[in-house]
Amino acid sequence: MKFFEKYLTVFVLICMVIGVLIGYYFEFIPEFLNRFELANINLPIGILIWVMIYPMMLKIDFSSVKKVGQNPKGLYLTWIVNWVIKPFAMFGIAYLFFYVIFKAIIPLDLAQDYLAGAVLLGAAPCTAMVFVWSGLTKGNPAYTLVQVATNDLLILVLFVPIVGLLLGVSGIVVPWLTLFFSVFIFVVIPLLFASLTRHFIVKHKGLSYFENSFIPKFNGITITGLLLTLILIFSLQSNLILDNPLHIILIAIPLIIQTMFIFIIAYISAKKLDLPHDIASPAAMIGASNFFELSVAVAIALFPTHPAVALATIVGVLVEVPVMLLLVRISNQTINWFKKGLPYEKN
């Protein structure tokens, strides 16, 4: 695991401090950047998020989808956990904490915003970091690629209706046009450009050059984009954070519980389905972790006047690494529960 990924939580906390200080002492900076908007999307943040998402999409080989017939039980498990269980479990757990358990602590308007942020997280299963978690648990890399590729295709179809449904149930007005536009901007376009880039580079330079030379060029750009995005978002939300510092912890509690719950459901189900560990582990990791870049982007686009929604998605970034590392340890310590992995060809 690379240094930045390992200490992502620390970097997020540092970005929070820097962003809050900028928002408090240099208010003109976020006010100036907030002027640049298109269809309710903050352009500086949108560009930075695009810089993060595009390199991640480069890693997805959609030609791997043709292998869905090889051990499909693992794929069925991934799809069901990600799209039938996870979004609704996130909604239920978040609603319980924000509206019932923390009712006396969190005002109703903020509870609604935090619930909306949790919904966006729950409807966006992991795309990029799952390769790290899979590698740390010795997951089958070729099969993980198929799981992620099919999951990304399902995001295009299922993210909007699930988010719209759960936000509607929450009593939140859904700006459907903005929701569709957000998915088009932050998923469809980078996915299309990344696929075309991959096809062109592999065709002219070969797969080895693409994976070992081309993709690593974006590592620094991706990290820089993430850190600048977090600083900018925290600067825009400095007053909210300073007025409600305890809320960071209150938001984190249901997110951590939901992550653990989804992992347990997927992991035990994989055991019941008699899947090998190198397929079971990444299947559980995909559902447990989140595509937080997409969640943050959509939160900003859908609710530009409600920064608490984006704050809830960012707390998801804050807690993800330590919780997922704990799940990695659990997975590695229980490898003897499963049968050995089966051959799964990459090509």
Protein backbone atom coordinates (compact mmCIF):
# COMPACT_ATOMS: atom_id res chain seq x y z
CA MET A 1 0.00 0.00 0.00
CA LYS A 2 1.45 3.35 -1.05
CA PHE A 3 2.32 6.01 1.51
CA PHE A 4 -0.49 8.39 0.52
CA GLU A 5 -3.16 5.69 0.49
CA LYS A 6 -2.00 4.33 3.85
CA TYR A 7 -2.17 7.72 5.54
CA LEU A 8 -5.17 9.13 3.65
CA THR A 9 -7.04 9.82 6.90
CA VAL A 10 -4.16 11.97 8.16
CA PHE A 11 -4.04 13.90 4.89
CA VAL A 12 -7.80 14.50 5.04
CA LEU A 13 -7.49 15.89 8.57
CA ILE A 14 -4.63 18.18 7.47
CA CYS A 15 -6.71 19.38 4.51
CA MET A 16 -9.61 20.01 6.88
CA VAL A 17 -7.47 22.25 9.10
CA ILE A 18 -5.99 24.13 6.13
CA GLY A 19 -9.38 24.56 4.47
CA VAL A 20 -11.10 25.77 7.64
CA LEU A 21 -8.30 28.27 8.29
CA ILE A 22 -8.58 29.61 4.75
CA GLY A 23 -12.35 29.88 5.01
CA TYR A 24 -12.13 31.67 8.37
CA TYR A 25 -9.21 34.04 7.79
CA PHE A 26 -9.31 34.47 4.00
CA GLU A 27 -13.01 34.44 3.17
CA PHE A 28 -12.43 36.18 -0.16
CA ILE A 29 -10.76 33.04 -1.60
CA PRO A 30 -13.73 30.63 -1.37
CA GLU A 31 -16.11 33.52 -2.20
CA PHE A 32 -14.17 34.23 -5.39
CA LEU A 33 -13.99 30.56 -6.44
CA ASN A 34 -17.68 30.13 -5.70
CA ARG A 35 -18.50 32.59 -8.50
CA PHE A 36 -17.51 30.11 -11.18
CA GLU A 37 -20.48 27.80 -11.64
CA LEU A 38 -22.15 25.92 -14.48
CA ALA A 39 -25.54 24.25 -13.95
CA ASN A 40 -25.06 24.59 -10.16
CA ILE A 41 -21.66 22.85 -10.36
CA ASN A 42 -18.69 24.68 -8.90
CA LEU A 43 -16.24 24.63 -11.81
CA PRO A 44 -12.96 24.65 -9.82
CA ILE A 45 -14.15 21.71 -7.72
CA GLY A 46 -15.61 20.01 -10.80
CA ILE A 47 -12.30 20.23 -12.66
CA LEU A 48 -10.36 18.89 -9.68
CA ILE A 49 -12.76 15.97 -9.27
CA TRP A 50 -12.48 15.21 -12.98
CA VAL A 51 -8.69 15.18 -12.54
CA MET A 52 -9.16 12.53 -9.82
CA ILE A 53 -11.71 10.35 -11.59
CA TYR A 54 -10.16 10.15 -15.06
CA PRO A 55 -6.93 8.39 -13.95
CA MET A 56 -9.01 5.92 -11.92
CA MET A 57 -11.11 5.08 -14.96
CA LEU A 58 -7.94 4.36 -16.93
CA LYS A 59 -7.43 1.25 -14.80
CA ILE A 60 -10.74 -0.28 -15.89
CA ASP A 61 -10.52 -2.70 -18.81
CA PHE A 62 -14.08 -3.12 -20.04
CA SER A 63 -13.04 -5.92 -22.37
CA SER A 64 -12.84 -8.01 -19.19
CA VAL A 65 -16.66 -7.97 -19.05
CA LYS A 66 -16.66 -10.88 -21.50
CA LYS A 67 -15.43 -13.06 -18.62
CA VAL A 68 -18.65 -12.66 -16.61
CA GLY A 69 -19.44 -16.31 -17.29
CA GLN A 70 -16.42 -17.48 -15.31
CA ASN A 71 -17.56 -18.16 -11.74
CA PRO A 72 -20.59 -15.85 -11.98
CA LYS A 73 -21.63 -16.44 -8.34
CA GLY A 74 -19.04 -13.92 -7.20
CA LEU A 75 -20.42 -11.34 -9.60
CA TYR A 76 -24.00 -11.97 -8.53
CA LEU A 77 -22.93 -11.45 -4.93
CA THR A 78 -21.16 -8.19 -5.82
CA TRP A 79 -24.15 -6.85 -7.73
CA ILE A 80 -26.74 -7.80 -5.11
CA VAL A 81 -24.75 -6.38 -2.20
CA ASN A 82 -23.87 -3.18 -4.04
CA TRP A 83 -27.25 -2.36 -5.52
CA VAL A 84 -29.94 -4.27 -3.61
CA ILE A 85 -28.61 -4.16 -0.04
CA LYS A 86 -26.02 -1.41 0.44
CA PRO A 87 -27.93 1.77 -0.57
CA PHE A 88 -30.99 0.84 1.48
CA ALA A 89 -28.92 -0.32 4.46
CA MET A 90 -27.06 2.99 4.41
CA PHE A 91 -30.35 4.87 4.30
CA GLY A 92 -31.78 2.87 7.21
CA ILE A 93 -28.72 3.12 9.45
CA ALA A 94 -28.18 6.82 8.72
CA TYR A 95 -31.86 7.60 9.32
CA LEU A 96 -31.78 5.75 12.63
CA PHE A 97 -28.79 7.72 13.90
CA PHE A 98 -29.48 11.18 12.48
CA TYR A 99 -33.23 11.25 13.12
CA VAL A 100 -33.59 9.08 16.23
CA ILE A 101 -30.41 8.42 18.23
CA PHE A 102 -28.86 11.86 17.62
CA LYS A 103 -32.18 13.71 17.50
CA ALA A 104 -31.36 15.86 20.52
CA ILE A 105 -27.91 16.78 19.18
CA ILE A 106 -28.36 17.33 15.44
CA PRO A 107 -30.91 19.91 14.23
CA LEU A 108 -33.53 18.58 11.82
CA ASP A 109 -32.24 20.53 8.80
CA LEU A 110 -28.71 19.25 9.27
CA ALA A 111 -29.98 15.71 9.90
CA GLN A 112 -31.69 15.83 6.52
CA ASP A 113 -28.52 17.07 4.83
CA TYR A 114 -26.34 14.43 6.50
CA LEU A 115 -28.82 11.74 5.46
CA ALA A 116 -28.63 12.96 1.85
CA GLY A 117 -24.83 12.75 1.96
CA ALA A 118 -25.00 9.23 3.38
CA VAL A 119 -27.40 8.20 0.60
CA LEU A 120 -24.95 9.45 -2.04
CA LEU A 121 -22.18 7.42 -0.42
CA GLY A 122 -24.32 4.30 -0.16
CA ALA A 123 -25.29 4.42 -3.82
CA ALA A 124 -21.69 4.68 -5.05
CA PRO A 125 -19.73 1.47 -4.42
CA CYS A 126 -15.96 1.56 -4.77
CA THR A 127 -14.20 1.81 -8.12
CA ALA A 128 -10.52 2.57 -7.60
CA MET A 129 -9.40 1.85 -4.03
CA VAL A 130 -10.84 -1.66 -4.23
CA PHE A 131 -7.77 -2.63 -6.25
CA VAL A 132 -5.68 -1.71 -3.20
CA TRP A 133 -7.89 -3.67 -0.80
CA SER A 134 -7.97 -6.64 -3.15
CA GLY A 135 -4.19 -6.61 -3.43
CA LEU A 136 -3.73 -6.45 0.34
CA THR A 137 -5.95 -9.53 0.76
CA LYS A 138 -4.36 -11.41 -2.16
CA GLY A 139 -7.56 -11.13 -4.16
CA ASN A 140 -7.61 -12.45 -7.71
CA PRO A 141 -6.60 -9.35 -9.75
CA ALA A 142 -8.24 -10.50 -12.99
CA TYR A 143 -11.53 -11.32 -11.28
CA THR A 144 -11.43 -8.08 -9.28
CA LEU A 145 -11.11 -6.22 -12.57
CA VAL A 146 -14.28 -7.90 -13.86
CA GLN A 147 -16.11 -7.08 -10.64
CA VAL A 148 -15.12 -3.42 -10.86
CA ALA A 149 -15.79 -3.11 -14.61
CA THR A 150 -19.32 -4.50 -14.35
CA ASN A 151 -19.94 -2.40 -11.26
CA ASP A 152 -18.97 0.77 -13.15
CA LEU A 153 -21.40 -0.10 -15.93
CA LEU A 154 -24.17 -0.61 -13.37
CA ILE A 155 -23.43 2.82 -11.87
CA LEU A 156 -24.48 4.34 -15.19
CA VAL A 157 -27.88 2.65 -14.96
CA LEU A 158 -28.69 2.39 -11.25
CA PHE A 159 -27.08 5.33 -9.45
CA VAL A 160 -29.60 7.98 -10.53
CA PRO A 161 -32.85 6.03 -9.84
CA ILE A 162 -31.63 4.72 -6.46
CA VAL A 163 -30.43 8.14 -5.31
CA GLY A 164 -33.63 9.75 -6.55
CA LEU A 165 -35.79 7.16 -4.79
CA LEU A 166 -34.03 7.38 -1.43
CA LEU A 167 -33.80 11.16 -1.44
CA GLY A 168 -37.49 11.32 -2.34
CA VAL A 169 -38.37 9.02 0.53
CA SER A 170 -36.36 11.33 2.79
CA GLY A 171 -38.57 14.22 1.79
CA ILE A 172 -35.74 15.91 -0.10
CA VAL A 173 -36.58 17.62 -3.37
CA VAL A 174 -34.57 15.93 -6.12
CA PRO A 175 -33.33 18.15 -8.96
CA TRP A 176 -33.48 15.35 -11.53
CA LEU A 177 -31.89 17.27 -14.38
CA THR A 178 -28.91 18.20 -12.21
CA LEU A 179 -28.65 14.60 -10.98
CA PHE A 180 -28.52 13.24 -14.54
CA PHE A 181 -26.12 15.98 -15.56
CA SER A 182 -23.82 15.20 -12.62
CA VAL A 183 -23.58 11.52 -13.54
CA PHE A 184 -22.94 12.45 -17.17
CA ILE A 185 -20.19 14.91 -16.22
CA PHE A 186 -18.47 12.87 -13.52
CA VAL A 187 -18.98 9.30 -14.75
CA VAL A 188 -19.90 9.09 -18.43
CA ILE A 189 -17.42 11.63 -19.80
CA PRO A 190 -14.31 10.49 -17.84
CA LEU A 191 -15.30 6.85 -18.47
CA LEU A 192 -15.55 7.47 -22.21
CA PHE A 193 -12.31 9.44 -22.42
CA ALA A 194 -10.45 6.92 -20.27
CA SER A 195 -11.69 4.01 -22.41
CA LEU A 196 -10.65 5.76 -25.61
CA THR A 197 -7.27 6.63 -24.12
CA ARG A 198 -6.72 3.06 -22.98
CA HIS A 199 -7.66 1.66 -26.39
CA PHE A 200 -5.41 4.10 -28.25
CA ILE A 201 -2.35 3.68 -25.99
CA VAL A 202 -2.59 -0.12 -25.79
CA LYS A 203 -3.04 -0.36 -29.55
CA HIS A 204 0.04 1.73 -30.34
CA LYS A 205 2.30 1.16 -27.31
CA GLY A 206 1.15 -2.15 -25.85
CA LEU A 207 -0.47 -3.16 -22.57
CA SER A 208 2.80 -3.31 -20.65
CA TYR A 209 3.65 0.31 -21.49
CA PHE A 210 0.12 1.41 -20.59
CA GLU A 211 0.07 -0.27 -17.17
CA ASN A 212 3.69 0.26 -16.14
CA SER A 213 4.55 3.62 -17.71
CA PHE A 214 1.45 5.57 -18.75
CA ILE A 215 -0.89 5.13 -15.75
CA PRO A 216 1.84 5.87 -13.13
CA LYS A 217 2.29 9.32 -14.72
CA PHE A 218 -1.04 10.33 -13.22
CA ASN A 219 -0.27 9.31 -9.64
CA GLY A 220 0.92 12.74 -8.54
CA ILE A 221 -1.86 14.49 -10.44
CA THR A 222 -4.54 12.38 -8.78
CA ILE A 223 -3.18 12.99 -5.29
CA THR A 224 -2.84 16.73 -5.91
CA GLY A 225 -6.37 16.90 -7.26
CA LEU A 226 -7.78 15.15 -4.21
CA LEU A 227 -5.93 17.29 -1.69
CA LEU A 228 -6.84 20.57 -3.42
CA THR A 229 -10.46 19.46 -3.70
CA LEU A 230 -10.65 18.71 0.01
CA ILE A 231 -9.03 22.01 0.96
CA LEU A 232 -11.42 23.94 -1.26
CA ILE A 233 -14.50 22.11 0.04
CA PHE A 234 -13.47 22.56 3.67
CA SER A 235 -12.82 26.26 3.05
CA LEU A 236 -16.37 26.59 1.72
CA GLN A 237 -17.69 24.79 4.82
CA SER A 238 -15.51 26.39 7.48
CA ASN A 239 -18.41 28.04 9.32
CA LEU A 240 -20.41 24.80 9.40
CA ILE A 241 -17.46 22.85 10.80
CA LEU A 242 -16.53 25.48 13.38
CA ASP A 243 -20.14 25.73 14.55
CA ASN A 244 -20.61 21.94 14.75
CA PRO A 245 -17.21 20.26 15.34
CA LEU A 246 -18.81 17.30 17.15
CA HIS A 247 -20.85 16.49 14.06
CA ILE A 248 -17.79 15.06 12.31
CA ILE A 249 -17.76 12.23 14.87
CA LEU A 250 -21.55 11.88 14.83
CA ILE A 251 -21.54 11.46 11.05
CA ALA A 252 -18.67 8.98 11.19
CA ILE A 253 -20.44 6.58 13.58
CA PRO A 254 -23.24 5.37 11.25
CA LEU A 255 -20.85 5.35 8.27
CA ILE A 256 -18.46 3.04 10.13
CA ILE A 257 -21.27 0.76 11.29
CA GLN A 258 -22.68 0.53 7.77
CA THR A 259 -19.25 -0.30 6.32
CA MET A 260 -18.75 -3.12 8.82
CA PHE A 261 -22.30 -4.39 8.27
CA ILE A 262 -21.98 -4.58 4.48
CA PHE A 263 -18.63 -6.34 4.72
CA ILE A 264 -20.03 -8.95 7.12
CA ILE A 265 -23.09 -9.56 4.92
CA ALA A 266 -21.00 -9.99 1.76
CA TYR A 267 -18.22 -11.99 3.42
CA ILE A 268 -20.54 -14.47 5.13
CA SER A 269 -22.61 -14.80 1.97
CA ALA A 270 -19.45 -15.59 0.00
CA LYS A 271 -18.66 -18.30 2.53
CA LYS A 272 -22.17 -19.75 2.17
CA LEU A 273 -21.79 -19.70 -1.63
CA ASP A 274 -18.54 -21.66 -1.27
CA LEU A 275 -16.52 -18.99 -3.08
CA PRO A 276 -12.72 -19.05 -2.84
CA HIS A 277 -11.14 -16.38 -0.65
CA ASP A 278 -9.48 -14.52 -3.54
CA ILE A 279 -12.95 -13.81 -4.98
CA ALA A 280 -14.88 -13.50 -1.71
CA SER A 281 -12.61 -10.84 -0.24
CA PRO A 282 -12.74 -8.28 -3.10
CA ALA A 283 -16.48 -8.92 -3.46
CA ALA A 284 -16.92 -7.84 0.16
CA MET A 285 -14.47 -4.95 -0.16
CA ILE A 286 -16.26 -3.39 -3.15
CA GLY A 287 -19.51 -3.11 -1.24
CA ALA A 288 -17.90 -1.96 2.00
CA SER A 289 -15.90 0.90 0.47
CA ASN A 290 -17.24 3.85 -1.51
CA PHE A 291 -16.67 5.75 -4.75
CA PHE A 292 -16.32 8.87 -2.62
CA GLU A 293 -15.10 11.06 -5.51
CA LEU A 294 -18.44 10.62 -7.26
CA SER A 295 -20.38 11.13 -4.02
CA VAL A 296 -18.59 14.41 -3.28
CA ALA A 297 -19.07 15.65 -6.83
CA VAL A 298 -22.79 14.89 -6.93
CA ALA A 299 -23.32 16.34 -3.44
CA ILE A 300 -21.82 19.65 -4.53
CA ALA A 301 -23.79 19.69 -7.78
CA LEU A 302 -27.17 18.73 -6.30
CA PHE A 303 -27.01 20.79 -3.11
CA PRO A 304 -24.79 23.85 -3.70
CA THR A 305 -26.56 25.78 -0.93
CA HIS A 306 -26.40 22.90 1.55
CA PRO A 307 -22.69 22.31 2.32
CA ALA A 308 -23.59 19.80 5.05
CA VAL A 309 -24.46 17.25 2.35
CA ALA A 310 -20.94 17.38 0.91
CA LEU A 311 -19.51 17.37 4.45
CA ALA A 312 -21.16 14.00 5.12
CA THR A 313 -19.59 12.52 1.98
CA ILE A 314 -16.16 13.86 2.97
CA VAL A 315 -16.44 12.24 6.39
CA GLY A 316 -16.77 9.03 4.38
CA VAL A 317 -13.31 9.76 2.95
CA LEU A 318 -12.03 10.44 6.45
CA VAL A 319 -13.08 7.08 7.93
CA GLU A 320 -12.63 4.84 4.91
CA VAL A 321 -8.94 3.95 5.13
CA PRO A 322 -8.68 2.98 8.83
CA VAL A 323 -11.93 0.99 8.65
CA MET A 324 -10.97 -0.76 5.42
CA LEU A 325 -7.53 -1.62 6.80
CA LEU A 326 -9.27 -3.25 9.75
CA LEU A 327 -11.41 -5.26 7.33
CA VAL A 328 -8.29 -6.22 5.38
CA ARG A 329 -6.81 -7.63 8.59
CA ILE A 330 -10.01 -9.55 9.33
CA SER A 331 -10.04 -10.95 5.81
CA ASN A 332 -6.41 -12.06 5.99
CA GLN A 333 -6.89 -13.69 9.39
CA THR A 334 -9.89 -15.70 8.19
CA ILE A 335 -8.47 -16.92 4.89
CA ASN A 336 -8.58 -20.49 6.21
CA TRP A 337 -12.40 -20.29 6.26
CA PHE A 338 -12.41 -20.52 2.48
CA LYS A 339 -11.22 -22.96 -0.11
CA LYS A 340 -8.21 -22.07 -2.24
CA GLY A 341 -8.68 -19.83 -5.26
CA LEU A 342 -9.40 -21.28 -8.67
CA PRO A 343 -7.47 -20.42 -11.84
CA TYR A 344 -8.87 -17.30 -13.50
CA GLU A 345 -7.15 -16.19 -16.66
CA LYS A 346 -6.50 -12.52 -17.32
CA ASN A 347 -6.46 -12.84 -21.08
